[in-house]
C-alpha cells in the first residue's frame, strides 16, 4: 500500500541504533529542520515528536528497521500521534547509492531515509503496529506443543 504524504509537515528519517538513533527532519520543500542524535528512551523520543508536531503539524516517522531496535521509536511515534512507515533494506541500499559521498554515517543514512520518504513515497511500506501485535498473539495462542 502506498503511503499518502499529502499534508505531512515534516518527514523524520531515523537511522536506528541499539543505544542511540539519528534523526533527520525535512519539510515537504526539502528544508532541513532537524538533524540530531536521539537517545533510545521514551521520554526523549516523545519530546522530539511532540516538538515537531507542535511546529509542523503532521509528522511522518520513517525507519529502515521496523523490528527490534526500531520498535521503540515507532511505538512512541504512534502513541504521540505521528504517522509511521519504513523504508525496506533493499530500497534503502539502492537509494543511498544515488546520494553523493561514500562514507556510511548515521546522519547521512537518516537524511537519505527522510528524503526518500519525501520524494519517493512509493518506496515506503506501511506499518500497522496493532495488526502486527495481533498476528504475533494469534500465532502464540494458536501454537500447540
N, C-alpha and C. Protein backbone atom coordinates (compact mmCIF):
# COMPACT_ATOMS: atom_id res chain seq x y z
N UNK A 1 0.84 -1.18 0.00
CA UNK A 1 0.00 0.00 0.00
C UNK A 1 0.89 1.25 0.00
N UNK A 2 0.60 2.20 -0.86
CA UNK A 2 1.38 3.42 -0.97
C UNK A 2 0.99 4.38 0.15
N UNK A 3 1.99 4.98 0.75
CA UNK A 3 1.78 5.95 1.82
C UNK A 3 1.32 7.27 1.21
N UNK A 4 0.30 7.86 1.79
CA UNK A 4 -0.18 9.17 1.34
C UNK A 4 0.60 10.24 2.11
N UNK A 5 1.39 11.03 1.38
CA UNK A 5 2.21 12.04 2.06
C UNK A 5 1.58 13.43 2.00
N UNK A 6 0.38 13.53 1.41
CA UNK A 6 -0.31 14.83 1.41
C UNK A 6 -0.56 15.27 2.85
N UNK A 7 -0.21 16.48 3.15
CA UNK A 7 -0.45 17.01 4.48
C UNK A 7 0.66 16.75 5.49
N UNK A 8 1.70 16.01 5.09
CA UNK A 8 2.82 15.78 6.01
C UNK A 8 3.59 17.09 6.14
N UNK A 9 3.80 17.52 7.37
CA UNK A 9 4.53 18.76 7.63
C UNK A 9 6.03 18.57 7.77
N UNK A 10 6.42 17.38 8.22
CA UNK A 10 7.85 17.07 8.33
C UNK A 10 8.04 15.56 8.18
N UNK A 11 9.08 15.21 7.43
CA UNK A 11 9.49 13.82 7.24
C UNK A 11 10.69 13.60 8.15
N UNK A 12 10.53 12.73 9.15
CA UNK A 12 11.61 12.48 10.10
C UNK A 12 12.19 11.10 9.85
N UNK A 13 13.34 11.07 9.17
CA UNK A 13 14.04 9.82 8.94
C UNK A 13 14.85 9.47 10.15
N UNK A 14 14.75 8.21 10.60
CA UNK A 14 15.52 7.74 11.75
C UNK A 14 16.43 6.61 11.33
N UNK A 15 17.72 6.81 11.50
CA UNK A 15 18.67 5.72 11.38
C UNK A 15 18.77 5.14 12.79
N UNK A 16 18.13 3.99 13.00
CA UNK A 16 18.01 3.45 14.35
C UNK A 16 19.26 2.67 14.74
N UNK A 17 19.57 2.72 16.02
CA UNK A 17 20.70 2.01 16.57
C UNK A 17 20.34 1.42 17.92
N UNK A 18 21.22 0.62 18.47
CA UNK A 18 20.93 -0.03 19.74
C UNK A 18 20.84 0.94 20.91
N UNK A 19 21.77 1.88 20.99
CA UNK A 19 21.75 2.81 22.12
C UNK A 19 21.29 4.21 21.74
N UNK A 20 21.54 4.60 20.49
CA UNK A 20 21.08 5.91 20.03
C UNK A 20 20.56 5.79 18.60
N UNK A 21 19.77 6.77 18.22
CA UNK A 21 19.26 6.87 16.86
C UNK A 21 19.74 8.22 16.32
N UNK A 22 19.67 8.39 15.01
CA UNK A 22 19.93 9.70 14.46
C UNK A 22 18.70 10.12 13.68
N UNK A 23 18.19 11.32 13.98
CA UNK A 23 17.02 11.82 13.30
C UNK A 23 17.35 12.95 12.35
N UNK A 24 16.71 12.93 11.19
CA UNK A 24 16.89 13.98 10.20
C UNK A 24 15.50 14.36 9.70
N UNK A 25 15.11 15.61 9.92
CA UNK A 25 13.79 16.08 9.53
C UNK A 25 13.84 17.01 8.34
N UNK A 26 12.95 16.78 7.37
CA UNK A 26 12.84 17.62 6.18
C UNK A 26 11.39 18.07 6.00
N UNK A 27 11.22 19.31 5.58
CA UNK A 27 9.89 19.79 5.21
C UNK A 27 9.56 19.24 3.83
N UNK A 28 8.30 19.35 3.39
CA UNK A 28 7.95 18.91 2.04
C UNK A 28 8.78 19.59 0.95
N UNK A 29 9.26 20.80 1.20
CA UNK A 29 10.10 21.52 0.23
C UNK A 29 11.56 21.09 0.29
N UNK A 30 11.92 20.24 1.27
CA UNK A 30 13.29 19.75 1.38
C UNK A 30 14.17 20.53 2.33
N UNK A 31 13.60 21.45 3.09
CA UNK A 31 14.40 22.23 4.04
C UNK A 31 14.67 21.38 5.29
N UNK A 32 15.95 21.34 5.69
CA UNK A 32 16.34 20.60 6.89
C UNK A 32 15.89 21.37 8.13
N UNK A 33 15.12 20.71 8.99
CA UNK A 33 14.62 21.35 10.21
C UNK A 33 15.03 20.60 11.47
N UNK A 34 15.70 19.45 11.29
CA UNK A 34 16.13 18.65 12.44
C UNK A 34 17.26 17.75 11.97
N UNK A 35 18.33 17.67 12.77
CA UNK A 35 19.45 16.78 12.45
C UNK A 35 20.24 16.56 13.72
N UNK A 36 19.83 15.54 14.50
CA UNK A 36 20.45 15.32 15.81
C UNK A 36 20.43 13.85 16.18
N UNK A 37 21.39 13.44 17.01
CA UNK A 37 21.30 12.11 17.62
C UNK A 37 20.20 12.11 18.68
N UNK A 38 19.56 10.96 18.84
CA UNK A 38 18.49 10.82 19.83
C UNK A 38 18.77 9.62 20.71
N UNK A 39 18.68 9.80 22.03
CA UNK A 39 18.82 8.64 22.92
C UNK A 39 17.65 7.67 22.69
N UNK A 40 17.89 6.41 22.93
CA UNK A 40 16.86 5.39 22.75
C UNK A 40 16.02 5.28 24.02
N UNK A 41 15.32 6.36 24.35
CA UNK A 41 14.46 6.37 25.53
C UNK A 41 13.13 7.03 25.21
N UNK A 42 12.07 6.51 25.80
CA UNK A 42 10.74 7.02 25.51
C UNK A 42 10.58 8.52 25.77
N UNK A 43 10.99 9.04 26.94
CA UNK A 43 10.76 10.47 27.19
C UNK A 43 11.46 11.38 26.18
N UNK A 44 12.69 11.03 25.82
CA UNK A 44 13.44 11.85 24.86
C UNK A 44 12.81 11.79 23.47
N UNK A 45 12.42 10.60 23.04
CA UNK A 45 11.78 10.45 21.73
C UNK A 45 10.45 11.20 21.68
N UNK A 46 9.65 11.03 22.74
CA UNK A 46 8.35 11.70 22.79
C UNK A 46 8.51 13.22 22.75
N UNK A 47 9.52 13.74 23.43
CA UNK A 47 9.74 15.19 23.44
C UNK A 47 10.04 15.70 22.03
N UNK A 48 10.85 14.96 21.28
CA UNK A 48 11.16 15.35 19.90
C UNK A 48 9.91 15.28 19.03
N UNK A 49 9.17 14.19 19.12
CA UNK A 49 7.96 14.05 18.30
C UNK A 49 6.95 15.14 18.63
N UNK A 50 6.76 15.42 19.92
CA UNK A 50 5.79 16.45 20.32
C UNK A 50 6.22 17.83 19.83
N UNK A 51 7.50 18.12 19.92
CA UNK A 51 8.01 19.43 19.47
C UNK A 51 7.82 19.60 17.96
N UNK A 52 8.13 18.55 17.20
CA UNK A 52 7.96 18.63 15.75
C UNK A 52 6.49 18.74 15.36
N UNK A 53 5.62 18.01 16.06
CA UNK A 53 4.18 18.11 15.79
C UNK A 53 3.66 19.50 16.08
N UNK A 54 4.10 20.10 17.18
CA UNK A 54 3.64 21.44 17.54
C UNK A 54 4.08 22.47 16.49
N UNK A 55 5.24 22.27 15.92
CA UNK A 55 5.77 23.23 14.95
C UNK A 55 5.30 22.99 13.51
N UNK A 56 5.14 21.71 13.12
CA UNK A 56 4.87 21.39 11.72
C UNK A 56 3.56 20.66 11.47
N UNK A 57 2.85 20.28 12.50
CA UNK A 57 1.61 19.52 12.28
C UNK A 57 1.92 18.04 12.13
N UNK A 58 1.50 17.47 11.03
CA UNK A 58 1.66 16.03 10.81
C UNK A 58 3.13 15.66 10.63
N UNK A 59 3.56 14.67 11.40
CA UNK A 59 4.94 14.17 11.34
C UNK A 59 4.89 12.73 10.84
N UNK A 60 5.68 12.44 9.82
CA UNK A 60 5.83 11.07 9.34
C UNK A 60 7.21 10.60 9.77
N UNK A 61 7.23 9.57 10.63
CA UNK A 61 8.48 9.00 11.14
C UNK A 61 8.78 7.76 10.31
N UNK A 62 9.98 7.72 9.74
CA UNK A 62 10.37 6.63 8.85
C UNK A 62 11.65 5.99 9.37
N UNK A 63 11.66 4.66 9.42
CA UNK A 63 12.85 3.92 9.84
C UNK A 63 13.23 2.94 8.74
N UNK A 64 14.45 2.42 8.83
CA UNK A 64 14.85 1.39 7.88
C UNK A 64 14.85 0.00 8.52
N UNK A 65 14.56 -0.06 9.82
CA UNK A 65 14.47 -1.34 10.53
C UNK A 65 13.28 -1.27 11.49
N UNK A 66 12.13 -1.80 11.09
CA UNK A 66 10.95 -1.65 11.93
C UNK A 66 10.91 -2.59 13.14
N UNK A 67 11.64 -3.69 13.10
CA UNK A 67 11.61 -4.64 14.21
C UNK A 67 12.78 -4.37 15.16
N UNK A 68 12.83 -5.06 16.23
CA UNK A 68 13.88 -4.99 17.25
C UNK A 68 14.24 -3.55 17.59
N UNK A 69 15.38 -3.04 17.13
CA UNK A 69 15.84 -1.72 17.56
C UNK A 69 14.97 -0.58 17.04
N UNK A 70 14.15 -0.82 16.04
CA UNK A 70 13.25 0.22 15.54
C UNK A 70 11.89 0.21 16.22
N UNK A 71 11.62 -0.80 17.04
CA UNK A 71 10.29 -0.95 17.64
C UNK A 71 9.95 0.18 18.62
N UNK A 72 10.89 0.57 19.48
CA UNK A 72 10.59 1.60 20.47
C UNK A 72 10.28 2.95 19.81
N UNK A 73 11.13 3.46 18.91
CA UNK A 73 10.77 4.75 18.31
C UNK A 73 9.45 4.71 17.54
N UNK A 74 9.16 3.60 16.88
CA UNK A 74 7.90 3.50 16.15
C UNK A 74 6.71 3.48 17.09
N UNK A 75 6.82 2.74 18.17
CA UNK A 75 5.73 2.66 19.14
C UNK A 75 5.48 4.01 19.80
N UNK A 76 6.55 4.70 20.17
CA UNK A 76 6.42 6.02 20.79
C UNK A 76 5.84 7.01 19.78
N UNK A 77 6.30 6.94 18.53
CA UNK A 77 5.79 7.84 17.49
C UNK A 77 4.30 7.64 17.29
N UNK A 78 3.86 6.40 17.21
CA UNK A 78 2.41 6.11 17.07
C UNK A 78 1.64 6.66 18.25
N UNK A 79 2.14 6.41 19.44
CA UNK A 79 1.46 6.86 20.65
C UNK A 79 1.41 8.38 20.73
N UNK A 80 2.40 9.04 20.13
CA UNK A 80 2.45 10.51 20.13
C UNK A 80 1.60 11.11 19.00
N UNK A 81 0.98 10.25 18.20
CA UNK A 81 0.11 10.73 17.14
C UNK A 81 0.80 10.98 15.82
N UNK A 82 2.00 10.44 15.65
CA UNK A 82 2.72 10.57 14.38
C UNK A 82 2.31 9.44 13.44
N UNK A 83 2.48 9.68 12.15
CA UNK A 83 2.36 8.60 11.18
C UNK A 83 3.69 7.87 11.15
N UNK A 84 3.67 6.58 10.80
CA UNK A 84 4.91 5.81 10.76
C UNK A 84 4.97 5.00 9.46
N UNK A 85 6.20 4.75 9.02
CA UNK A 85 6.44 3.93 7.84
C UNK A 85 7.86 3.40 7.91
N UNK A 86 8.15 2.45 7.04
CA UNK A 86 9.55 2.02 6.97
C UNK A 86 9.98 1.91 5.52
N UNK A 87 11.28 2.10 5.35
CA UNK A 87 11.93 2.00 4.05
C UNK A 87 12.67 0.67 4.04
N UNK A 88 12.20 -0.30 3.26
CA UNK A 88 12.84 -1.62 3.27
C UNK A 88 14.32 -1.55 2.90
N UNK A 89 15.09 -2.46 3.47
CA UNK A 89 16.53 -2.50 3.26
C UNK A 89 16.97 -2.50 1.81
N UNK A 90 16.38 -3.35 0.95
CA UNK A 90 16.82 -3.34 -0.46
C UNK A 90 16.61 -1.98 -1.13
N UNK A 91 15.49 -1.33 -0.85
CA UNK A 91 15.25 0.01 -1.41
C UNK A 91 16.26 1.00 -0.85
N UNK A 92 16.52 0.92 0.45
CA UNK A 92 17.47 1.83 1.09
C UNK A 92 18.85 1.69 0.44
N UNK A 93 19.29 0.46 0.21
CA UNK A 93 20.62 0.23 -0.37
C UNK A 93 20.70 0.81 -1.79
N UNK A 94 19.64 0.66 -2.56
CA UNK A 94 19.64 1.23 -3.93
C UNK A 94 19.62 2.75 -3.90
N UNK A 95 18.80 3.30 -3.02
CA UNK A 95 18.64 4.76 -2.97
C UNK A 95 19.91 5.43 -2.44
N UNK A 96 20.54 4.87 -1.42
CA UNK A 96 21.73 5.50 -0.83
C UNK A 96 22.85 5.63 -1.85
N UNK A 97 22.90 4.73 -2.82
CA UNK A 97 23.93 4.81 -3.86
C UNK A 97 23.75 6.03 -4.77
N UNK A 98 22.56 6.61 -4.78
CA UNK A 98 22.28 7.77 -5.63
C UNK A 98 22.71 9.09 -4.99
N UNK A 99 23.07 9.06 -3.71
CA UNK A 99 23.45 10.28 -2.98
C UNK A 99 24.96 10.43 -2.97
N UNK A 100 25.46 11.68 -3.01
CA UNK A 100 26.90 11.89 -3.01
C UNK A 100 27.54 11.42 -1.70
N UNK A 101 28.79 11.06 -1.79
CA UNK A 101 29.54 10.63 -0.62
C UNK A 101 29.52 9.12 -0.49
N UNK A 102 30.57 8.60 0.07
CA UNK A 102 30.70 7.15 0.21
C UNK A 102 30.62 6.69 1.67
N UNK A 103 30.94 7.59 2.59
CA UNK A 103 31.00 7.20 4.00
C UNK A 103 29.62 6.87 4.53
N UNK A 104 29.54 5.78 5.25
CA UNK A 104 28.29 5.40 5.90
C UNK A 104 28.27 6.07 7.26
N UNK A 105 27.39 7.03 7.43
CA UNK A 105 27.23 7.67 8.74
C UNK A 105 25.76 7.64 9.10
N UNK A 106 25.49 7.71 10.40
CA UNK A 106 24.10 7.71 10.87
C UNK A 106 23.37 8.94 10.34
N UNK A 107 24.04 10.09 10.35
CA UNK A 107 23.42 11.32 9.87
C UNK A 107 23.06 11.23 8.39
N UNK A 108 23.99 10.71 7.59
CA UNK A 108 23.73 10.57 6.15
C UNK A 108 22.59 9.60 5.91
N UNK A 109 22.59 8.46 6.59
CA UNK A 109 21.53 7.48 6.39
C UNK A 109 20.16 8.04 6.79
N UNK A 110 20.11 8.78 7.90
CA UNK A 110 18.84 9.38 8.32
C UNK A 110 18.35 10.39 7.29
N UNK A 111 19.28 11.16 6.72
CA UNK A 111 18.92 12.14 5.68
C UNK A 111 18.39 11.45 4.43
N UNK A 112 19.01 10.35 4.04
CA UNK A 112 18.55 9.59 2.87
C UNK A 112 17.15 9.04 3.13
N UNK A 113 16.91 8.51 4.32
CA UNK A 113 15.59 7.96 4.66
C UNK A 113 14.52 9.06 4.58
N UNK A 114 14.81 10.22 5.16
CA UNK A 114 13.84 11.33 5.14
C UNK A 114 13.58 11.80 3.71
N UNK A 115 14.64 11.94 2.93
CA UNK A 115 14.48 12.43 1.56
C UNK A 115 13.76 11.41 0.68
N UNK A 116 14.04 10.14 0.88
CA UNK A 116 13.34 9.10 0.12
C UNK A 116 11.84 9.14 0.43
N UNK A 117 11.50 9.32 1.69
CA UNK A 117 10.08 9.40 2.06
C UNK A 117 9.42 10.60 1.40
N UNK A 118 10.14 11.70 1.35
CA UNK A 118 9.62 12.95 0.78
C UNK A 118 9.47 12.86 -0.73
N UNK A 119 10.42 12.27 -1.40
CA UNK A 119 10.45 12.30 -2.87
C UNK A 119 10.05 10.99 -3.54
N UNK A 120 10.14 9.88 -2.82
CA UNK A 120 9.83 8.56 -3.39
C UNK A 120 8.88 7.79 -2.46
N UNK A 121 7.70 8.33 -2.19
CA UNK A 121 6.82 7.67 -1.22
C UNK A 121 6.42 6.25 -1.61
N UNK A 122 6.51 5.93 -2.89
CA UNK A 122 6.17 4.57 -3.32
C UNK A 122 7.15 3.52 -2.79
N UNK A 123 8.32 3.95 -2.30
CA UNK A 123 9.29 3.00 -1.75
C UNK A 123 8.99 2.63 -0.31
N UNK A 124 8.10 3.39 0.33
CA UNK A 124 7.79 3.16 1.75
C UNK A 124 6.78 2.04 1.92
N UNK A 125 6.79 1.46 3.09
CA UNK A 125 5.81 0.44 3.46
C UNK A 125 5.09 0.90 4.72
N UNK A 126 3.81 0.60 4.78
CA UNK A 126 3.02 0.98 5.94
C UNK A 126 3.33 0.04 7.10
N UNK A 127 3.08 0.55 8.26
CA UNK A 127 3.23 -0.24 9.48
C UNK A 127 1.96 -0.07 10.29
N UNK A 128 1.31 -1.15 10.56
CA UNK A 128 0.17 -1.10 11.47
C UNK A 128 0.56 -1.93 12.68
N UNK A 129 1.05 -1.24 13.70
CA UNK A 129 1.59 -1.95 14.87
C UNK A 129 0.53 -2.80 15.55
N UNK A 130 -0.72 -2.37 15.52
CA UNK A 130 -1.79 -3.16 16.14
C UNK A 130 -1.96 -4.48 15.39
N UNK A 131 -1.91 -4.45 14.06
CA UNK A 131 -2.04 -5.67 13.28
C UNK A 131 -0.88 -6.62 13.54
N UNK A 132 0.34 -6.08 13.65
CA UNK A 132 1.49 -6.93 13.92
C UNK A 132 1.36 -7.60 15.28
N UNK A 133 0.95 -6.84 16.28
CA UNK A 133 0.80 -7.41 17.63
C UNK A 133 -0.29 -8.48 17.63
N UNK A 134 -1.39 -8.21 16.94
CA UNK A 134 -2.48 -9.19 16.87
C UNK A 134 -1.99 -10.46 16.19
N UNK A 135 -1.24 -10.33 15.11
CA UNK A 135 -0.74 -11.50 14.40
C UNK A 135 0.21 -12.31 15.28
N UNK A 136 1.08 -11.62 16.03
CA UNK A 136 2.01 -12.33 16.91
C UNK A 136 1.27 -13.05 18.03
N UNK A 137 0.27 -12.40 18.61
CA UNK A 137 -0.51 -13.04 19.67
C UNK A 137 -1.29 -14.23 19.14
N UNK A 138 -1.88 -14.09 17.95
CA UNK A 138 -2.62 -15.20 17.36
C UNK A 138 -1.71 -16.39 17.13
N UNK A 139 -0.48 -16.12 16.68
CA UNK A 139 0.47 -17.20 16.46
C UNK A 139 0.81 -17.89 17.78
N UNK A 140 1.04 -17.11 18.83
CA UNK A 140 1.39 -17.68 20.12
C UNK A 140 0.24 -18.47 20.72
N UNK A 141 -0.95 -17.91 20.66
CA UNK A 141 -2.12 -18.58 21.25
C UNK A 141 -2.45 -19.85 20.47
N UNK A 142 -2.25 -19.83 19.17
CA UNK A 142 -2.59 -20.99 18.34
C UNK A 142 -1.54 -22.08 18.33
N UNK A 143 -0.40 -21.82 18.95
CA UNK A 143 0.69 -22.78 18.94
C UNK A 143 0.37 -23.96 19.85
N UNK A 144 0.52 -25.16 19.32
CA UNK A 144 0.30 -26.35 20.13
C UNK A 144 1.60 -27.09 20.28
N UNK A 145 1.96 -27.39 21.51
CA UNK A 145 3.22 -28.09 21.78
C UNK A 145 3.09 -29.58 21.58
